[in-house]
Amino acid sequence: MNPQPEVNLQREDVLVHLERGLQERIPMTKFLGIHFVEFEPGSIVLGAPLGPSLNHRGTAFGPGVFTTAGLAPWLLLVRAAWAERLSVQILLRRCEFAIHRPIACDYRARCDALPALEADTLRQGGKVRLTATSQVFIDDGAPAATYTAHFTLIGSSDAGEGDLALPFPEAWRT
């Protein structure tokens, strides 16, 4: 694993640093304007402007919302695996996505929970399945969209990064 230089950054700077790393690895996130609003050990909120996802009806085009909603649980899972020093490959087995009401403004995707990682199984090169859900909000009301991801994590006994190449600060390790 290539260690990231230890950088003394304020919380906002850490999120900007992560955003740049995400945009380098997944360029579509830059086009869609996806940015970190909050990123705690058990919670993530991603924001996205309406503009890049605008459709002919003046609302968000589903694939842009899908991308933002799908990144939230994946990023929370990547952070959890990274914090545990797990080298894993994260596969999306299947997912469900539903838009419940029109999205006609900037939106945010939130994922507040992950099942506990079976770290020992993953360290021994085993497979673990887990499910996580994110919700998309445009106001304080009911979710405008819901995304549920069913992941398979494949562990590795080597010290490689797996899917964990984002520039997380070393202080986030457990």
C-alpha atoms as a PDB file:
ATOM      1  CA  MET A   1       0.000   0.000   0.000  1.00  0.00           C
ATOM      2  CA  ASN A   2       1.285   3.454  -0.814  1.00  0.00           C
ATOM      3  CA  PRO A   3       1.013   5.415   2.403  1.00  0.00           C
ATOM      4  CA  GLN A   4      -0.541   8.838   2.099  1.00  0.00           C
ATOM      5  CA  PRO A   5       1.557  11.640   3.541  1.00  0.00           C
ATOM      6  CA  GLU A   6       0.225  12.616   6.954  1.00  0.00           C
ATOM      7  CA  VAL A   7      -1.400  15.964   6.452  1.00  0.00           C
ATOM      8  CA  ASN A   8      -2.652  18.146   9.277  1.00  0.00           C
ATOM      9  CA  LEU A   9      -5.945  19.278   7.797  1.00  0.00           C
ATOM     10  CA  GLN A  10      -9.081  20.854   9.206  1.00  0.00           C
ATOM     11  CA  ARG A  11     -12.307  18.863   8.786  1.00  0.00           C
ATOM     12  CA  GLU A  12     -13.392  20.880   5.712  1.00  0.00           C
ATOM     13  CA  ASP A  13      -9.953  20.505   4.157  1.00  0.00           C
ATOM     14  CA  VAL A  14     -10.114  16.730   4.665  1.00  0.00           C
ATOM     15  CA  LEU A  15     -13.418  16.590   2.788  1.00  0.00           C
ATOM     16  CA  VAL A  16     -12.023  18.717  -0.074  1.00  0.00           C
ATOM     17  CA  HIS A  17      -8.934  16.475  -0.180  1.00  0.00           C
ATOM     18  CA  LEU A  18     -11.166  13.370  -0.348  1.00  0.00           C
ATOM     19  CA  GLU A  19     -13.341  14.961  -3.010  1.00  0.00           C
ATOM     20  CA  ARG A  20     -10.288  15.526  -5.217  1.00  0.00           C
ATOM     21  CA  GLY A  21      -9.209  11.919  -4.696  1.00  0.00           C
ATOM     22  CA  LEU A  22     -12.676  10.656  -5.577  1.00  0.00           C
ATOM     23  CA  GLN A  23     -12.802  12.828  -8.704  1.00  0.00           C
ATOM     24  CA  GLU A  24      -9.423  11.486  -9.842  1.00  0.00           C
ATOM     25  CA  ARG A  25     -10.542   7.864  -9.423  1.00  0.00           C
ATOM     26  CA  ILE A  26     -14.161   8.304 -10.610  1.00  0.00           C
ATOM     27  CA  PRO A  27     -14.186  11.270 -13.036  1.00  0.00           C
ATOM     28  CA  MET A  28     -17.984  11.214 -13.391  1.00  0.00           C
ATOM     29  CA  THR A  29     -18.209  12.537  -9.808  1.00  0.00           C
ATOM     30  CA  LYS A  30     -16.531  15.763 -10.918  1.00  0.00           C
ATOM     31  CA  PHE A  31     -18.923  16.182 -13.845  1.00  0.00           C
ATOM     32  CA  LEU A  32     -21.929  15.582 -11.574  1.00  0.00           C
ATOM     33  CA  GLY A  33     -20.579  18.005  -8.945  1.00  0.00           C
ATOM     34  CA  ILE A  34     -20.790  15.404  -6.183  1.00  0.00           C
ATOM     35  CA  HIS A  35     -19.209  16.686  -3.001  1.00  0.00           C
ATOM     36  CA  PHE A  36     -18.829  15.643   0.618  1.00  0.00           C
ATOM     37  CA  VAL A  37     -21.141  17.384   3.077  1.00  0.00           C
ATOM     38  CA  GLU A  38     -20.440  15.068   6.011  1.00  0.00           C
ATOM     39  CA  PHE A  39     -18.269  11.981   6.394  1.00  0.00           C
ATOM     40  CA  GLU A  40     -18.188  10.463   9.861  1.00  0.00           C
ATOM     41  CA  PRO A  41     -17.313   6.849  10.762  1.00  0.00           C
ATOM     42  CA  GLY A  42     -20.978   5.777  10.698  1.00  0.00           C
ATOM     43  CA  SER A  43     -22.573   8.369   8.449  1.00  0.00           C
ATOM     44  CA  ILE A  44     -22.022  10.055   5.116  1.00  0.00           C
ATOM     45  CA  VAL A  45     -23.858  12.823   3.300  1.00  0.00           C
ATOM     46  CA  LEU A  46     -23.004  13.627  -0.306  1.00  0.00           C
ATOM     47  CA  GLY A  47     -24.353  16.707  -2.020  1.00  0.00           C
ATOM     48  CA  ALA A  48     -25.032  17.207  -5.721  1.00  0.00           C
ATOM     49  CA  PRO A  49     -26.283  20.180  -7.721  1.00  0.00           C
ATOM     50  CA  LEU A  50     -29.304  19.782  -9.965  1.00  0.00           C
ATOM     51  CA  GLY A  51     -27.589  21.368 -13.001  1.00  0.00           C
ATOM     52  CA  PRO A  52     -25.443  18.482 -14.289  1.00  0.00           C
ATOM     53  CA  SER A  53     -28.335  16.024 -13.895  1.00  0.00           C
ATOM     54  CA  LEU A  54     -31.043  18.261 -15.331  1.00  0.00           C
ATOM     55  CA  ASN A  55     -33.463  16.575 -17.727  1.00  0.00           C
ATOM     56  CA  HIS A  56     -35.996  17.936 -20.232  1.00  0.00           C
ATOM     57  CA  ARG A  57     -38.645  18.303 -17.483  1.00  0.00           C
ATOM     58  CA  GLY A  58     -36.488  20.500 -15.269  1.00  0.00           C
ATOM     59  CA  THR A  59     -35.913  17.719 -12.752  1.00  0.00           C
ATOM     60  CA  ALA A  60     -32.966  15.477 -11.956  1.00  0.00           C
ATOM     61  CA  PHE A  61     -32.225  12.757 -14.503  1.00  0.00           C
ATOM     62  CA  GLY A  62     -32.350   9.405 -12.712  1.00  0.00           C
ATOM     63  CA  PRO A  63     -28.794   8.202 -13.496  1.00  0.00           C
ATOM     64  CA  GLY A  64     -27.239  11.254 -11.806  1.00  0.00           C
ATOM     65  CA  VAL A  65     -29.329  10.694  -8.681  1.00  0.00           C
ATOM     66  CA  PHE A  66     -28.553   6.958  -8.858  1.00  0.00           C
ATOM     67  CA  THR A  67     -24.804   7.668  -8.970  1.00  0.00           C
ATOM     68  CA  THR A  68     -24.901   9.983  -5.962  1.00  0.00           C
ATOM     69  CA  ALA A  69     -27.119   7.619  -3.968  1.00  0.00           C
ATOM     70  CA  GLY A  70     -24.947   4.624  -4.900  1.00  0.00           C
ATOM     71  CA  LEU A  71     -21.706   6.284  -3.864  1.00  0.00           C
ATOM     72  CA  ALA A  72     -22.920   7.013  -0.322  1.00  0.00           C
ATOM     73  CA  PRO A  73     -23.040   3.431   1.026  1.00  0.00           C
ATOM     74  CA  TRP A  74     -20.020   2.390  -1.047  1.00  0.00           C
ATOM     75  CA  LEU A  75     -17.874   5.224   0.352  1.00  0.00           C
ATOM     76  CA  LEU A  76     -19.031   4.507   3.904  1.00  0.00           C
ATOM     77  CA  LEU A  77     -18.093   0.860   3.373  1.00  0.00           C
ATOM     78  CA  VAL A  78     -14.700   1.808   1.903  1.00  0.00           C
ATOM     79  CA  ARG A  79     -14.007   4.016   4.922  1.00  0.00           C
ATOM     80  CA  ALA A  80     -15.002   1.245   7.358  1.00  0.00           C
ATOM     81  CA  ALA A  81     -12.753  -1.302   5.613  1.00  0.00           C
ATOM     82  CA  TRP A  82      -9.885   1.188   5.427  1.00  0.00           C
ATOM     83  CA  ALA A  83     -10.218   2.042   9.126  1.00  0.00           C
ATOM     84  CA  GLU A  84      -9.929  -1.672   9.941  1.00  0.00           C
ATOM     85  CA  ARG A  85      -6.886  -2.000   7.648  1.00  0.00           C
ATOM     86  CA  LEU A  86      -8.700  -4.538   5.502  1.00  0.00           C
ATOM     87  CA  SER A  87      -7.621  -5.200   1.945  1.00  0.00           C
ATOM     88  CA  VAL A  88     -10.876  -5.932   0.143  1.00  0.00           C
ATOM     89  CA  GLN A  89     -12.490  -5.909  -3.235  1.00  0.00           C
ATOM     90  CA  ILE A  90     -16.031  -4.540  -3.019  1.00  0.00           C
ATOM     91  CA  LEU A  91     -18.487  -5.906  -5.557  1.00  0.00           C
ATOM     92  CA  LEU A  92     -22.007  -4.632  -6.065  1.00  0.00           C
ATOM     93  CA  ARG A  93     -24.048  -7.841  -6.431  1.00  0.00           C
ATOM     94  CA  ARG A  94     -27.317  -6.056  -7.072  1.00  0.00           C
ATOM     95  CA  CYS A  95     -29.197  -2.943  -6.082  1.00  0.00           C
ATOM     96  CA  GLU A  96     -32.642  -1.434  -5.975  1.00  0.00           C
ATOM     97  CA  PHE A  97     -33.309   2.216  -6.757  1.00  0.00           C
ATOM     98  CA  ALA A  98     -36.566   4.142  -6.644  1.00  0.00           C
ATOM     99  CA  ILE A  99     -37.387   7.800  -7.120  1.00  0.00           C
ATOM    100  CA  HIS A 100     -40.420   8.633  -4.974  1.00  0.00           C
ATOM    101  CA  ARG A 101     -41.013  12.234  -6.063  1.00  0.00           C
ATOM    102  CA  PRO A 102     -39.557  14.714  -8.546  1.00  0.00           C
ATOM    103  CA  ILE A 103     -36.192  16.223  -7.670  1.00  0.00           C
ATOM    104  CA  ALA A 104     -36.227  19.817  -8.917  1.00  0.00           C
ATOM    105  CA  CYS A 105     -33.381  21.285  -6.850  1.00  0.00           C
ATOM    106  CA  ASP A 106     -29.970  20.392  -5.463  1.00  0.00           C
ATOM    107  CA  TYR A 107     -30.079  17.142  -3.512  1.00  0.00           C
ATOM    108  CA  ARG A 108     -28.106  15.123  -0.988  1.00  0.00           C
ATOM    109  CA  ALA A 109     -27.655  11.393  -0.436  1.00  0.00           C
ATOM    110  CA  ARG A 110     -27.334  10.081   3.118  1.00  0.00           C
ATOM    111  CA  CYS A 111     -26.273   6.688   4.428  1.00  0.00           C
ATOM    112  CA  ASP A 112     -26.378   6.337   8.204  1.00  0.00           C
ATOM    113  CA  ALA A 113     -25.648   2.705   8.868  1.00  0.00           C
ATOM    114  CA  LEU A 114     -23.618  -0.289   7.800  1.00  0.00           C
ATOM    115  CA  PRO A 115     -23.685  -3.782   9.229  1.00  0.00           C
ATOM    116  CA  ALA A 116     -20.565  -4.691  11.182  1.00  0.00           C
ATOM    117  CA  LEU A 117     -17.726  -5.928   8.997  1.00  0.00           C
ATOM    118  CA  GLU A 118     -16.617  -9.500   9.560  1.00  0.00           C
ATOM    119  CA  ALA A 119     -12.987  -8.435   9.693  1.00  0.00           C
ATOM    120  CA  ASP A 120     -11.502 -11.833  10.589  1.00  0.00           C
ATOM    121  CA  THR A 121     -13.246 -13.526   7.657  1.00  0.00           C
ATOM    122  CA  LEU A 122     -12.008 -10.836   5.274  1.00  0.00           C
ATOM    123  CA  ARG A 123      -8.452 -10.939   6.616  1.00  0.00           C
ATOM    124  CA  GLN A 124      -8.381 -14.668   5.867  1.00  0.00           C
ATOM    125  CA  GLY A 125      -9.406 -14.066   2.255  1.00  0.00           C
ATOM    126  CA  GLY A 126     -13.058 -14.967   2.778  1.00  0.00           C
ATOM    127  CA  LYS A 127     -16.225 -13.422   1.381  1.00  0.00           C
ATOM    128  CA  VAL A 128     -18.772 -11.368   3.264  1.00  0.00           C
ATOM    129  CA  ARG A 129     -22.161 -10.175   2.042  1.00  0.00           C
ATOM    130  CA  LEU A 130     -23.849  -7.099   3.410  1.00  0.00           C
ATOM    131  CA  THR A 131     -26.601  -4.665   2.542  1.00  0.00           C
ATOM    132  CA  ALA A 132     -26.707  -0.896   3.003  1.00  0.00           C
ATOM    133  CA  THR A 133     -29.294   1.730   2.107  1.00  0.00           C
ATOM    134  CA  SER A 134     -29.024   5.401   1.258  1.00  0.00           C
ATOM    135  CA  GLN A 135     -31.772   7.949   0.901  1.00  0.00           C
ATOM    136  CA  VAL A 136     -31.872  11.078  -1.239  1.00  0.00           C
ATOM    137  CA  PHE A 137     -33.305  14.250   0.288  1.00  0.00           C
ATOM    138  CA  ILE A 138     -34.299  17.599  -1.189  1.00  0.00           C
ATOM    139  CA  ASP A 139     -35.883  19.032   1.960  1.00  0.00           C
ATOM    140  CA  ASP A 140     -36.753  17.981   5.500  1.00  0.00           C
ATOM    141  CA  GLY A 141     -39.606  15.782   4.275  1.00  0.00           C
ATOM    142  CA  ALA A 142     -39.723  12.182   3.182  1.00  0.00           C
ATOM    143  CA  PRO A 143     -36.894  10.841   0.998  1.00  0.00           C
ATOM    144  CA  ALA A 144     -37.131  11.728  -2.680  1.00  0.00           C
ATOM    145  CA  ALA A 145     -35.304   8.503  -3.632  1.00  0.00           C
ATOM    146  CA  THR A 146     -34.024   5.318  -2.020  1.00  0.00           C
ATOM    147  CA  TYR A 147     -31.076   3.127  -3.008  1.00  0.00           C
ATOM    148  CA  THR A 148     -30.305  -0.270  -1.489  1.00  0.00           C
ATOM    149  CA  ALA A 149     -27.006  -1.966  -2.326  1.00  0.00           C
ATOM    150  CA  HIS A 150     -26.194  -5.634  -1.809  1.00  0.00           C
ATOM    151  CA  PHE A 151     -22.416  -5.979  -1.658  1.00  0.00           C
ATOM    152  CA  THR A 152     -20.010  -8.884  -1.656  1.00  0.00           C
ATOM    153  CA  LEU A 153     -16.653  -8.135  -0.063  1.00  0.00           C
ATOM    154  CA  ILE A 154     -13.753 -10.371  -1.006  1.00  0.00           C
ATOM    155  CA  GLY A 155     -10.923 -10.265   1.468  1.00  0.00           C
ATOM    156  CA  SER A 156      -7.240 -10.639   0.859  1.00  0.00           C
ATOM    157  CA  SER A 157      -4.480 -11.674   3.186  1.00  0.00           C
ATOM    158  CA  ASP A 158      -1.974  -9.410   1.429  1.00  0.00           C
ATOM    159  CA  ALA A 159      -1.411  -5.821   2.487  1.00  0.00           C
ATOM    160  CA  GLY A 160      -2.629  -4.281  -0.768  1.00  0.00           C
ATOM    161  CA  GLU A 161      -5.167  -1.495  -0.969  1.00  0.00           C
ATOM    162  CA  GLY A 162      -7.945  -3.442  -2.664  1.00  0.00           C
ATOM    163  CA  ASP A 163     -10.649  -0.849  -3.304  1.00  0.00           C
ATOM    164  CA  LEU A 164      -9.258   1.474  -0.657  1.00  0.00           C
ATOM    165  CA  ALA A 165      -7.101   3.894  -2.641  1.00  0.00           C
ATOM    166  CA  LEU A 166      -8.817   7.116  -1.532  1.00  0.00           C
ATOM    167  CA  PRO A 167      -6.617   9.603   0.351  1.00  0.00           C
ATOM    168  CA  PHE A 168      -8.045   9.086   3.845  1.00  0.00           C
ATOM    169  CA  PRO A 169      -6.158  10.759   6.703  1.00  0.00           C
ATOM    170  CA  GLU A 170      -4.171   8.339   8.853  1.00  0.00           C
ATOM    171  CA  ALA A 171      -6.030   9.595  11.936  1.00  0.00           C
ATOM    172  CA  TRP A 172      -9.137   7.746  10.676  1.00  0.00           C
ATOM    173  CA  ARG A 173      -7.540   4.354  11.292  1.00  0.00           C
ATOM    174  CA  THR A 174      -8.863   2.385  14.245  1.00  0.00           C
END
